[in-house]
Amino acid sequence: MDDCKKNFYVTPESNTQYLLRTYPECCEVFEKHEMPCSECMGVGCDTLADCAIMHEVDIDVLVAELRKCLGCTEPPSL
């Protein structure tokens, strides 16, 4: 069973700015992929999928690493 302690589950459609502001620990994942999203003025409307396309990063890898960073590898149970 997943040990997720967050109320947020990362998907390709997740808003990048929300993720970075709410969970700043995720910045290291973006930095690892040379994605300066925390400094981008246009990040407010972008999804993770948008950013991955812009920076030529595999979205599945990015999402998996962000989930791991947050300790949420499975969807939260309802």
N, C-alpha and C. Protein backbone atom coordinates (compact mmCIF):
# COMPACT_ATOMS: atom_id res chain seq x y z
N MET A 1 0.85 -1.20 0.00
CA MET A 1 0.00 0.00 0.00
C MET A 1 0.87 1.24 0.00
N ASP A 2 0.43 2.23 -0.70
CA ASP A 2 1.16 3.49 -0.83
C ASP A 2 1.13 4.25 0.50
N ASP A 3 2.22 4.90 0.82
CA ASP A 3 2.32 5.66 2.06
C ASP A 3 2.19 7.16 1.79
N CYS A 4 1.27 7.53 0.92
CA CYS A 4 1.10 8.93 0.53
C CYS A 4 0.48 9.74 1.67
N LYS A 5 1.13 10.84 1.99
CA LYS A 5 0.61 11.71 3.03
C LYS A 5 0.11 13.03 2.46
N LYS A 6 0.06 13.12 1.14
CA LYS A 6 -0.38 14.33 0.46
C LYS A 6 -1.82 14.15 -0.01
N ASN A 7 -2.52 15.25 -0.22
CA ASN A 7 -3.87 15.20 -0.76
C ASN A 7 -3.87 15.48 -2.25
N PHE A 8 -2.71 15.41 -2.86
CA PHE A 8 -2.54 15.77 -4.26
C PHE A 8 -1.89 14.61 -4.99
N TYR A 9 -2.48 14.20 -6.10
CA TYR A 9 -1.92 13.11 -6.90
C TYR A 9 -1.46 13.69 -8.23
N VAL A 10 -0.20 13.51 -8.55
CA VAL A 10 0.39 14.08 -9.76
C VAL A 10 -0.06 13.32 -11.00
N THR A 11 -0.54 14.09 -12.00
CA THR A 11 -0.91 13.53 -13.30
C THR A 11 -0.31 14.45 -14.37
N PRO A 12 -0.29 14.02 -15.62
CA PRO A 12 0.20 14.91 -16.68
C PRO A 12 -0.59 16.21 -16.78
N GLU A 13 -1.84 16.21 -16.31
CA GLU A 13 -2.69 17.39 -16.39
C GLU A 13 -2.54 18.31 -15.18
N SER A 14 -1.70 17.94 -14.23
CA SER A 14 -1.51 18.77 -13.03
C SER A 14 -0.93 20.12 -13.41
N ASN A 15 -1.37 21.15 -12.70
CA ASN A 15 -0.86 22.50 -12.94
C ASN A 15 0.54 22.62 -12.33
N THR A 16 1.49 22.97 -13.15
CA THR A 16 2.88 23.03 -12.73
C THR A 16 3.11 24.06 -11.63
N GLN A 17 2.53 25.23 -11.78
CA GLN A 17 2.72 26.29 -10.78
C GLN A 17 2.17 25.86 -9.42
N TYR A 18 0.99 25.26 -9.41
CA TYR A 18 0.40 24.79 -8.15
C TYR A 18 1.34 23.78 -7.48
N LEU A 19 1.84 22.86 -8.27
CA LEU A 19 2.72 21.82 -7.74
C LEU A 19 3.97 22.45 -7.12
N LEU A 20 4.59 23.38 -7.83
CA LEU A 20 5.82 24.00 -7.34
C LEU A 20 5.59 24.87 -6.10
N ARG A 21 4.48 25.57 -6.07
CA ARG A 21 4.19 26.44 -4.91
C ARG A 21 3.78 25.64 -3.69
N THR A 22 3.01 24.59 -3.90
CA THR A 22 2.50 23.81 -2.79
C THR A 22 3.51 22.80 -2.27
N TYR A 23 4.31 22.26 -3.16
CA TYR A 23 5.29 21.24 -2.79
C TYR A 23 6.66 21.63 -3.34
N PRO A 24 7.32 22.61 -2.72
CA PRO A 24 8.60 23.10 -3.24
C PRO A 24 9.68 22.03 -3.31
N GLU A 25 9.50 20.94 -2.60
CA GLU A 25 10.47 19.86 -2.67
C GLU A 25 10.55 19.25 -4.08
N CYS A 26 9.53 19.52 -4.89
CA CYS A 26 9.51 19.02 -6.27
C CYS A 26 10.47 19.77 -7.19
N CYS A 27 10.95 20.93 -6.75
CA CYS A 27 11.86 21.72 -7.58
C CYS A 27 13.08 20.91 -8.01
N GLU A 28 13.56 20.04 -7.13
CA GLU A 28 14.75 19.26 -7.47
C GLU A 28 14.50 18.33 -8.66
N VAL A 29 13.28 17.85 -8.81
CA VAL A 29 12.96 16.99 -9.96
C VAL A 29 13.01 17.81 -11.25
N PHE A 30 12.45 19.00 -11.21
CA PHE A 30 12.49 19.87 -12.39
C PHE A 30 13.93 20.26 -12.73
N GLU A 31 14.70 20.58 -11.71
CA GLU A 31 16.10 20.95 -11.93
C GLU A 31 16.90 19.79 -12.52
N LYS A 32 16.62 18.59 -12.07
CA LYS A 32 17.30 17.40 -12.59
C LYS A 32 17.12 17.28 -14.10
N HIS A 33 15.95 17.67 -14.58
CA HIS A 33 15.63 17.58 -16.01
C HIS A 33 15.89 18.89 -16.75
N GLU A 34 16.60 19.80 -16.07
CA GLU A 34 16.94 21.10 -16.65
C GLU A 34 15.69 21.86 -17.11
N MET A 35 14.69 21.84 -16.24
CA MET A 35 13.43 22.53 -16.47
C MET A 35 13.32 23.67 -15.44
N PRO A 36 13.62 24.90 -15.82
CA PRO A 36 13.59 26.01 -14.88
C PRO A 36 12.17 26.55 -14.65
N CYS A 37 11.22 25.66 -14.47
CA CYS A 37 9.81 26.05 -14.37
C CYS A 37 9.53 26.98 -13.20
N SER A 38 10.27 26.84 -12.12
CA SER A 38 10.03 27.71 -10.96
C SER A 38 10.37 29.17 -11.26
N GLU A 39 11.14 29.41 -12.31
CA GLU A 39 11.53 30.77 -12.68
C GLU A 39 10.75 31.31 -13.88
N CYS A 40 9.91 30.49 -14.48
CA CYS A 40 9.21 30.85 -15.71
C CYS A 40 7.97 31.68 -15.40
N MET A 41 7.81 32.78 -16.10
CA MET A 41 6.64 33.64 -15.91
C MET A 41 5.37 33.02 -16.50
N GLY A 42 5.51 32.14 -17.47
CA GLY A 42 4.35 31.55 -18.13
C GLY A 42 3.88 30.25 -17.53
N VAL A 43 4.46 29.84 -16.41
CA VAL A 43 4.16 28.53 -15.86
C VAL A 43 2.75 28.44 -15.27
N GLY A 44 2.11 29.54 -14.99
CA GLY A 44 0.81 29.54 -14.33
C GLY A 44 -0.27 28.77 -15.05
N CYS A 45 -0.25 28.77 -16.35
CA CYS A 45 -1.28 28.10 -17.13
C CYS A 45 -0.84 26.73 -17.64
N ASP A 46 0.41 26.39 -17.42
CA ASP A 46 0.95 25.16 -18.00
C ASP A 46 0.67 23.94 -17.14
N THR A 47 0.39 22.84 -17.83
CA THR A 47 0.30 21.55 -17.17
C THR A 47 1.69 20.91 -17.21
N LEU A 48 1.86 19.85 -16.48
CA LEU A 48 3.13 19.12 -16.55
C LEU A 48 3.38 18.63 -17.96
N ALA A 49 2.33 18.19 -18.64
CA ALA A 49 2.48 17.72 -20.02
C ALA A 49 2.98 18.84 -20.93
N ASP A 50 2.44 20.05 -20.77
CA ASP A 50 2.90 21.20 -21.56
C ASP A 50 4.39 21.44 -21.33
N CYS A 51 4.79 21.45 -20.08
CA CYS A 51 6.19 21.72 -19.74
C CYS A 51 7.11 20.61 -20.26
N ALA A 52 6.66 19.37 -20.16
CA ALA A 52 7.47 18.25 -20.64
C ALA A 52 7.69 18.36 -22.15
N ILE A 53 6.65 18.73 -22.87
CA ILE A 53 6.78 18.89 -24.33
C ILE A 53 7.76 20.03 -24.63
N MET A 54 7.61 21.15 -23.92
CA MET A 54 8.46 22.31 -24.16
C MET A 54 9.94 22.01 -23.93
N HIS A 55 10.20 21.17 -22.94
CA HIS A 55 11.58 20.88 -22.56
C HIS A 55 12.06 19.50 -23.05
N GLU A 56 11.23 18.86 -23.87
CA GLU A 56 11.57 17.56 -24.45
C GLU A 56 11.93 16.53 -23.38
N VAL A 57 11.07 16.45 -22.37
CA VAL A 57 11.23 15.50 -21.27
C VAL A 57 10.10 14.48 -21.37
N ASP A 58 10.41 13.22 -21.12
CA ASP A 58 9.41 12.16 -21.15
C ASP A 58 8.42 12.38 -20.00
N ILE A 59 7.15 12.62 -20.33
CA ILE A 59 6.14 12.94 -19.32
C ILE A 59 5.95 11.80 -18.32
N ASP A 60 6.04 10.57 -18.77
CA ASP A 60 5.86 9.44 -17.86
C ASP A 60 6.97 9.40 -16.81
N VAL A 61 8.18 9.69 -17.24
CA VAL A 61 9.32 9.73 -16.31
C VAL A 61 9.15 10.88 -15.33
N LEU A 62 8.80 12.04 -15.84
CA LEU A 62 8.61 13.22 -14.99
C LEU A 62 7.54 12.98 -13.93
N VAL A 63 6.39 12.47 -14.35
CA VAL A 63 5.29 12.22 -13.41
C VAL A 63 5.71 11.18 -12.37
N ALA A 64 6.36 10.11 -12.80
CA ALA A 64 6.80 9.07 -11.86
C ALA A 64 7.78 9.63 -10.83
N GLU A 65 8.70 10.47 -11.26
CA GLU A 65 9.68 11.04 -10.34
C GLU A 65 9.03 12.04 -9.38
N LEU A 66 8.06 12.79 -9.86
CA LEU A 66 7.35 13.73 -8.98
C LEU A 66 6.51 12.96 -7.96
N ARG A 67 5.85 11.90 -8.39
CA ARG A 67 5.08 11.09 -7.44
C ARG A 67 6.00 10.50 -6.37
N LYS A 68 7.14 10.01 -6.80
CA LYS A 68 8.10 9.43 -5.85
C LYS A 68 8.58 10.50 -4.88
N CYS A 69 8.86 11.69 -5.38
CA CYS A 69 9.31 12.80 -4.54
C CYS A 69 8.28 13.12 -3.45
N LEU A 70 7.00 13.04 -3.81
CA LEU A 70 5.93 13.33 -2.87
C LEU A 70 5.50 12.12 -2.05
N GLY A 71 6.03 10.95 -2.39
CA GLY A 71 5.66 9.74 -1.67
C GLY A 71 4.29 9.23 -2.06
N CYS A 72 3.84 9.57 -3.26
CA CYS A 72 2.50 9.19 -3.74
C CYS A 72 2.62 8.44 -5.05
N THR A 73 2.78 7.15 -4.99
CA THR A 73 2.93 6.38 -6.22
C THR A 73 1.62 5.77 -6.68
N GLU A 74 0.60 5.79 -5.84
CA GLU A 74 -0.72 5.28 -6.21
C GLU A 74 -1.76 6.35 -5.92
N PRO A 75 -2.88 6.33 -6.67
CA PRO A 75 -3.94 7.32 -6.40
C PRO A 75 -4.44 7.18 -4.96
N PRO A 76 -4.79 8.29 -4.33
CA PRO A 76 -5.31 8.21 -2.95
C PRO A 76 -6.62 7.44 -2.94
N SER A 77 -6.84 6.67 -1.89
CA SER A 77 -8.09 5.92 -1.78
C SER A 77 -9.21 6.85 -1.36
N LEU A 78 -10.38 6.58 -1.87
CA LEU A 78 -11.54 7.43 -1.56
C LEU A 78 -12.27 6.94 -0.34
